Amino acid sequence: MIMLSWVVTFLVIALIAGILGFGGIAGASIEIAKTIFFIAVILFLVSAVIGLARGRTRV
């Protein structure tokens, strides 16, 4: 959840910078947001696979 909030933050920074004409800052923010997003997706998939591999335990 925290990583996705960082993604949204960088996307907002990129949009504002793009509107104001700061292309370099907007491009860098977009790249950071994409990187963090893909890391979050990979971590989610790894945790899902590990959860499926462990199976469910009965309480």
PDB file of N, CA and C in Angstrom:
ATOM      1  N   MET A   1       0.821  -1.191   0.000  1.00  0.00           N
ATOM      2  CA  MET A   1       0.000   0.000   0.000  1.00  0.00           C
ATOM      3  C   MET A   1       0.863   1.252   0.000  1.00  0.00           C
ATOM      4  N   ILE A   2       1.947   1.220   0.755  1.00  0.00           N
ATOM      5  CA  ILE A   2       2.811   2.390   0.836  1.00  0.00           C
ATOM      6  C   ILE A   2       3.477   2.650  -0.512  1.00  0.00           C
ATOM      7  N   MET A   3       3.901   1.574  -1.199  1.00  0.00           N
ATOM      8  CA  MET A   3       4.567   1.749  -2.484  1.00  0.00           C
ATOM      9  C   MET A   3       3.620   2.364  -3.510  1.00  0.00           C
ATOM     10  N   LEU A   4       2.365   1.969  -3.487  1.00  0.00           N
ATOM     11  CA  LEU A   4       1.421   2.528  -4.445  1.00  0.00           C
ATOM     12  C   LEU A   4       1.124   3.991  -4.157  1.00  0.00           C
ATOM     13  N   SER A   5       1.186   4.390  -2.895  1.00  0.00           N
ATOM     14  CA  SER A   5       1.000   5.812  -2.594  1.00  0.00           C
ATOM     15  C   SER A   5       2.180   6.628  -3.120  1.00  0.00           C
ATOM     16  N   TRP A   6       3.391   6.040  -3.103  1.00  0.00           N
ATOM     17  CA  TRP A   6       4.551   6.719  -3.692  1.00  0.00           C
ATOM     18  C   TRP A   6       4.376   6.855  -5.196  1.00  0.00           C
ATOM     19  N   VAL A   7       3.826   5.827  -5.829  1.00  0.00           N
ATOM     20  CA  VAL A   7       3.585   5.880  -7.272  1.00  0.00           C
ATOM     21  C   VAL A   7       2.632   7.016  -7.603  1.00  0.00           C
ATOM     22  N   VAL A   8       1.557   7.111  -6.860  1.00  0.00           N
ATOM     23  CA  VAL A   8       0.584   8.183  -7.095  1.00  0.00           C
ATOM     24  C   VAL A   8       1.222   9.547  -6.863  1.00  0.00           C
ATOM     25  N   THR A   9       2.051   9.667  -5.822  1.00  0.00           N
ATOM     26  CA  THR A   9       2.723  10.932  -5.538  1.00  0.00           C
ATOM     27  C   THR A   9       3.610  11.352  -6.705  1.00  0.00           C
ATOM     28  N   PHE A  10       4.415  10.427  -7.220  1.00  0.00           N
ATOM     29  CA  PHE A  10       5.296  10.763  -8.338  1.00  0.00           C
ATOM     30  C   PHE A  10       4.508  11.057  -9.605  1.00  0.00           C
ATOM     31  N   LEU A  11       3.383  10.388  -9.807  1.00  0.00           N
ATOM     32  CA  LEU A  11       2.560  10.689 -10.977  1.00  0.00           C
ATOM     33  C   LEU A  11       1.961  12.086 -10.889  1.00  0.00           C
ATOM     34  N   VAL A  12       1.524  12.491  -9.697  1.00  0.00           N
ATOM     35  CA  VAL A  12       0.986  13.837  -9.516  1.00  0.00           C
ATOM     36  C   VAL A  12       2.076  14.875  -9.752  1.00  0.00           C
ATOM     37  N   ILE A  13       3.276  14.620  -9.230  1.00  0.00           N
ATOM     38  CA  ILE A  13       4.402  15.531  -9.463  1.00  0.00           C
ATOM     39  C   ILE A  13       4.691  15.639 -10.949  1.00  0.00           C
ATOM     40  N   ALA A  14       4.649  14.517 -11.654  1.00  0.00           N
ATOM     41  CA  ALA A  14       4.915  14.524 -13.094  1.00  0.00           C
ATOM     42  C   ALA A  14       3.848  15.302 -13.851  1.00  0.00           C
ATOM     43  N   LEU A  15       2.601  15.133 -13.473  1.00  0.00           N
ATOM     44  CA  LEU A  15       1.532  15.856 -14.150  1.00  0.00           C
ATOM     45  C   LEU A  15       1.653  17.360 -13.929  1.00  0.00           C
ATOM     46  N   ILE A  16       1.909  17.764 -12.700  1.00  0.00           N
ATOM     47  CA  ILE A  16       2.053  19.187 -12.406  1.00  0.00           C
ATOM     48  C   ILE A  16       3.266  19.766 -13.124  1.00  0.00           C
ATOM     49  N   ALA A  17       4.382  19.039 -13.102  1.00  0.00           N
ATOM     50  CA  ALA A  17       5.589  19.516 -13.781  1.00  0.00           C
ATOM     51  C   ALA A  17       5.364  19.585 -15.291  1.00  0.00           C
ATOM     52  N   GLY A  18       4.645  18.633 -15.831  1.00  0.00           N
ATOM     53  CA  GLY A  18       4.354  18.646 -17.262  1.00  0.00           C
ATOM     54  C   GLY A  18       3.472  19.812 -17.664  1.00  0.00           C
ATOM     55  N   ILE A  19       2.485  20.122 -16.835  1.00  0.00           N
ATOM     56  CA  ILE A  19       1.602  21.244 -17.117  1.00  0.00           C
ATOM     57  C   ILE A  19       2.362  22.564 -17.053  1.00  0.00           C
ATOM     58  N   LEU A  20       3.280  22.674 -16.097  1.00  0.00           N
ATOM     59  CA  LEU A  20       4.040  23.910 -15.934  1.00  0.00           C
ATOM     60  C   LEU A  20       5.214  24.022 -16.899  1.00  0.00           C
ATOM     61  N   GLY A  21       5.481  22.967 -17.660  1.00  0.00           N
ATOM     62  CA  GLY A  21       6.508  23.045 -18.680  1.00  0.00           C
ATOM     63  C   GLY A  21       7.877  22.540 -18.256  1.00  0.00           C
ATOM     64  N   PHE A  22       7.978  21.871 -17.134  1.00  0.00           N
ATOM     65  CA  PHE A  22       9.248  21.307 -16.684  1.00  0.00           C
ATOM     66  C   PHE A  22       9.347  19.868 -17.190  1.00  0.00           C
ATOM     67  N   GLY A  23       9.803  19.720 -18.424  1.00  0.00           N
ATOM     68  CA  GLY A  23       9.820  18.406 -19.059  1.00  0.00           C
ATOM     69  C   GLY A  23      10.777  17.422 -18.415  1.00  0.00           C
ATOM     70  N   GLY A  24      11.941  17.907 -17.985  1.00  0.00           N
ATOM     71  CA  GLY A  24      12.927  17.011 -17.381  1.00  0.00           C
ATOM     72  C   GLY A  24      12.441  16.422 -16.070  1.00  0.00           C
ATOM     73  N   ILE A  25      11.850  17.262 -15.249  1.00  0.00           N
ATOM     74  CA  ILE A  25      11.329  16.796 -13.958  1.00  0.00           C
ATOM     75  C   ILE A  25      10.152  15.848 -14.179  1.00  0.00           C
ATOM     76  N   ALA A  26       9.306  16.170 -15.140  1.00  0.00           N
ATOM     77  CA  ALA A  26       8.154  15.312 -15.433  1.00  0.00           C
ATOM     78  C   ALA A  26       8.613  13.943 -15.918  1.00  0.00           C
ATOM     79  N   GLY A  27       9.604  13.924 -16.805  1.00  0.00           N
ATOM     80  CA  GLY A  27      10.108  12.648 -17.322  1.00  0.00           C
ATOM     81  C   GLY A  27      10.739  11.798 -16.244  1.00  0.00           C
ATOM     82  N   ALA A  28      11.524  12.442 -15.370  1.00  0.00           N
ATOM     83  CA  ALA A  28      12.155  11.703 -14.277  1.00  0.00           C
ATOM     84  C   ALA A  28      11.115  11.149 -13.313  1.00  0.00           C
ATOM     85  N   SER A  29      10.096  11.937 -13.018  1.00  0.00           N
ATOM     86  CA  SER A  29       9.040  11.486 -12.095  1.00  0.00           C
ATOM     87  C   SER A  29       8.263  10.316 -12.672  1.00  0.00           C
ATOM     88  N   ILE A  30       8.011  10.356 -13.967  1.00  0.00           N
ATOM     89  CA  ILE A  30       7.305   9.242 -14.607  1.00  0.00           C
ATOM     90  C   ILE A  30       8.138   7.962 -14.533  1.00  0.00           C
ATOM     91  N   GLU A  31       9.432   8.075 -14.785  1.00  0.00           N
ATOM     92  CA  GLU A  31      10.299   6.894 -14.726  1.00  0.00           C
ATOM     93  C   GLU A  31      10.358   6.318 -13.310  1.00  0.00           C
ATOM     94  N   ILE A  32      10.453   7.179 -12.308  1.00  0.00           N
ATOM     95  CA  ILE A  32      10.472   6.720 -10.913  1.00  0.00           C
ATOM     96  C   ILE A  32       9.156   6.032 -10.574  1.00  0.00           C
ATOM     97  N   ALA A  33       8.036   6.634 -10.996  1.00  0.00           N
ATOM     98  CA  ALA A  33       6.724   6.051 -10.717  1.00  0.00           C
ATOM     99  C   ALA A  33       6.576   4.686 -11.377  1.00  0.00           C
ATOM    100  N   LYS A  34       7.033   4.555 -12.630  1.00  0.00           N
ATOM    101  CA  LYS A  34       6.947   3.264 -13.314  1.00  0.00           C
ATOM    102  C   LYS A  34       7.806   2.211 -12.622  1.00  0.00           C
ATOM    103  N   THR A  35       8.991   2.600 -12.209  1.00  0.00           N
ATOM    104  CA  THR A  35       9.883   1.659 -11.535  1.00  0.00           C
ATOM    105  C   THR A  35       9.277   1.160 -10.234  1.00  0.00           C
ATOM    106  N   ILE A  36       8.777   2.079  -9.418  1.00  0.00           N
ATOM    107  CA  ILE A  36       8.173   1.694  -8.138  1.00  0.00           C
ATOM    108  C   ILE A  36       6.935   0.829  -8.378  1.00  0.00           C
ATOM    109  N   PHE A  37       6.147   1.157  -9.400  1.00  0.00           N
ATOM    110  CA  PHE A  37       4.946   0.376  -9.699  1.00  0.00           C
ATOM    111  C   PHE A  37       5.309  -1.058 -10.060  1.00  0.00           C
ATOM    112  N   PHE A  38       6.317  -1.234 -10.938  1.00  0.00           N
ATOM    113  CA  PHE A  38       6.690  -2.581 -11.344  1.00  0.00           C
ATOM    114  C   PHE A  38       7.302  -3.366 -10.182  1.00  0.00           C
ATOM    115  N   ILE A  39       8.033  -2.709  -9.316  1.00  0.00           N
ATOM    116  CA  ILE A  39       8.554  -3.384  -8.117  1.00  0.00           C
ATOM    117  C   ILE A  39       7.406  -3.846  -7.235  1.00  0.00           C
ATOM    118  N   ALA A  40       6.382  -3.002  -7.073  1.00  0.00           N
ATOM    119  CA  ALA A  40       5.219  -3.381  -6.260  1.00  0.00           C
ATOM    120  C   ALA A  40       4.484  -4.569  -6.875  1.00  0.00           C
ATOM    121  N   VAL A  41       4.336  -4.575  -8.191  1.00  0.00           N
ATOM    122  CA  VAL A  41       3.653  -5.687  -8.859  1.00  0.00           C
ATOM    123  C   VAL A  41       4.448  -6.978  -8.699  1.00  0.00           C
ATOM    124  N   ILE A  42       5.761  -6.904  -8.863  1.00  0.00           N
ATOM    125  CA  ILE A  42       6.603  -8.095  -8.709  1.00  0.00           C
ATOM    126  C   ILE A  42       6.532  -8.619  -7.281  1.00  0.00           C
ATOM    127  N   LEU A  43       6.600  -7.739  -6.291  1.00  0.00           N
ATOM    128  CA  LEU A  43       6.500  -8.181  -4.894  1.00  0.00           C
ATOM    129  C   LEU A  43       5.141  -8.809  -4.608  1.00  0.00           C
ATOM    130  N   PHE A  44       4.076  -8.264  -5.196  1.00  0.00           N
ATOM    131  CA  PHE A  44       2.755  -8.842  -5.020  1.00  0.00           C
ATOM    132  C   PHE A  44       2.691 -10.246  -5.607  1.00  0.00           C
ATOM    133  N   LEU A  45       3.223 -10.409  -6.825  1.00  0.00           N
ATOM    134  CA  LEU A  45       3.186 -11.726  -7.458  1.00  0.00           C
ATOM    135  C   LEU A  45       4.011 -12.748  -6.688  1.00  0.00           C
ATOM    136  N   VAL A  46       5.168 -12.332  -6.192  1.00  0.00           N
ATOM    137  CA  VAL A  46       6.000 -13.246  -5.410  1.00  0.00           C
ATOM    138  C   VAL A  46       5.274 -13.667  -4.136  1.00  0.00           C
ATOM    139  N   SER A  47       4.651 -12.714  -3.449  1.00  0.00           N
ATOM    140  CA  SER A  47       3.940 -13.072  -2.217  1.00  0.00           C
ATOM    141  C   SER A  47       2.727 -13.944  -2.514  1.00  0.00           C
ATOM    142  N   ALA A  48       2.067 -13.728  -3.645  1.00  0.00           N
ATOM    143  CA  ALA A  48       0.928 -14.574  -4.010  1.00  0.00           C
ATOM    144  C   ALA A  48       1.375 -16.001  -4.309  1.00  0.00           C
ATOM    145  N   VAL A  49       2.472 -16.152  -5.032  1.00  0.00           N
ATOM    146  CA  VAL A  49       2.979 -17.491  -5.351  1.00  0.00           C
ATOM    147  C   VAL A  49       3.420 -18.208  -4.082  1.00  0.00           C
ATOM    148  N   ILE A  50       4.111 -17.503  -3.207  1.00  0.00           N
ATOM    149  CA  ILE A  50       4.550 -18.119  -1.949  1.00  0.00           C
ATOM    150  C   ILE A  50       3.345 -18.516  -1.100  1.00  0.00           C
ATOM    151  N   GLY A  51       2.324 -17.654  -1.091  1.00  0.00           N
ATOM    152  CA  GLY A  51       1.105 -17.990  -0.344  1.00  0.00           C
ATOM    153  C   GLY A  51       0.411 -19.216  -0.894  1.00  0.00           C
ATOM    154  N   LEU A  52       0.382 -19.350  -2.215  1.00  0.00           N
ATOM    155  CA  LEU A  52      -0.227 -20.541  -2.815  1.00  0.00           C
ATOM    156  C   LEU A  52       0.612 -21.784  -2.578  1.00  0.00           C
ATOM    157  N   ALA A  53       1.928 -21.628  -2.595  1.00  0.00           N
ATOM    158  CA  ALA A  53       2.809 -22.772  -2.389  1.00  0.00           C
ATOM    159  C   ALA A  53       2.714 -23.294  -0.956  1.00  0.00           C
ATOM    160  N   ARG A  54       2.553 -22.400  -0.011  1.00  0.00           N
ATOM    161  CA  ARG A  54       2.451 -22.827   1.387  1.00  0.00           C
ATOM    162  C   ARG A  54       1.117 -23.507   1.672  1.00  0.00           C
ATOM    163  N   GLY A  55       0.101 -23.124   0.940  1.00  0.00           N
ATOM    164  CA  GLY A  55      -1.220 -23.718   1.150  1.00  0.00           C
ATOM    165  C   GLY A  55      -1.914 -23.106   2.348  1.00  0.00           C
ATOM    166  N   ARG A  56      -3.113 -23.527   2.533  1.00  0.00           N
ATOM    167  CA  ARG A  56      -3.901 -23.005   3.650  1.00  0.00           C
ATOM    168  C   ARG A  56      -3.738 -23.926   4.840  1.00  0.00           C
ATOM    169  N   THR A  57      -3.643 -23.319   5.997  1.00  0.00           N
ATOM    170  CA  THR A  57      -3.582 -24.108   7.222  1.00  0.00           C
ATOM    171  C   THR A  57      -4.924 -24.015   7.932  1.00  0.00           C
ATOM    172  N   ARG A  58      -5.352 -25.106   8.504  1.00  0.00           N
ATOM    173  CA  ARG A  58      -6.617 -25.098   9.229  1.00  0.00           C
ATOM    174  C   ARG A  58      -6.371 -24.751  10.671  1.00  0.00           C
ATOM    175  N   VAL A  59      -7.213 -23.868  11.151  1.00  0.00           N
ATOM    176  CA  VAL A  59      -7.064 -23.413  12.547  1.00  0.00           C
ATOM    177  C   VAL A  59      -8.033 -24.132  13.427  1.00  0.00           C
TER     178      VAL A  59
END
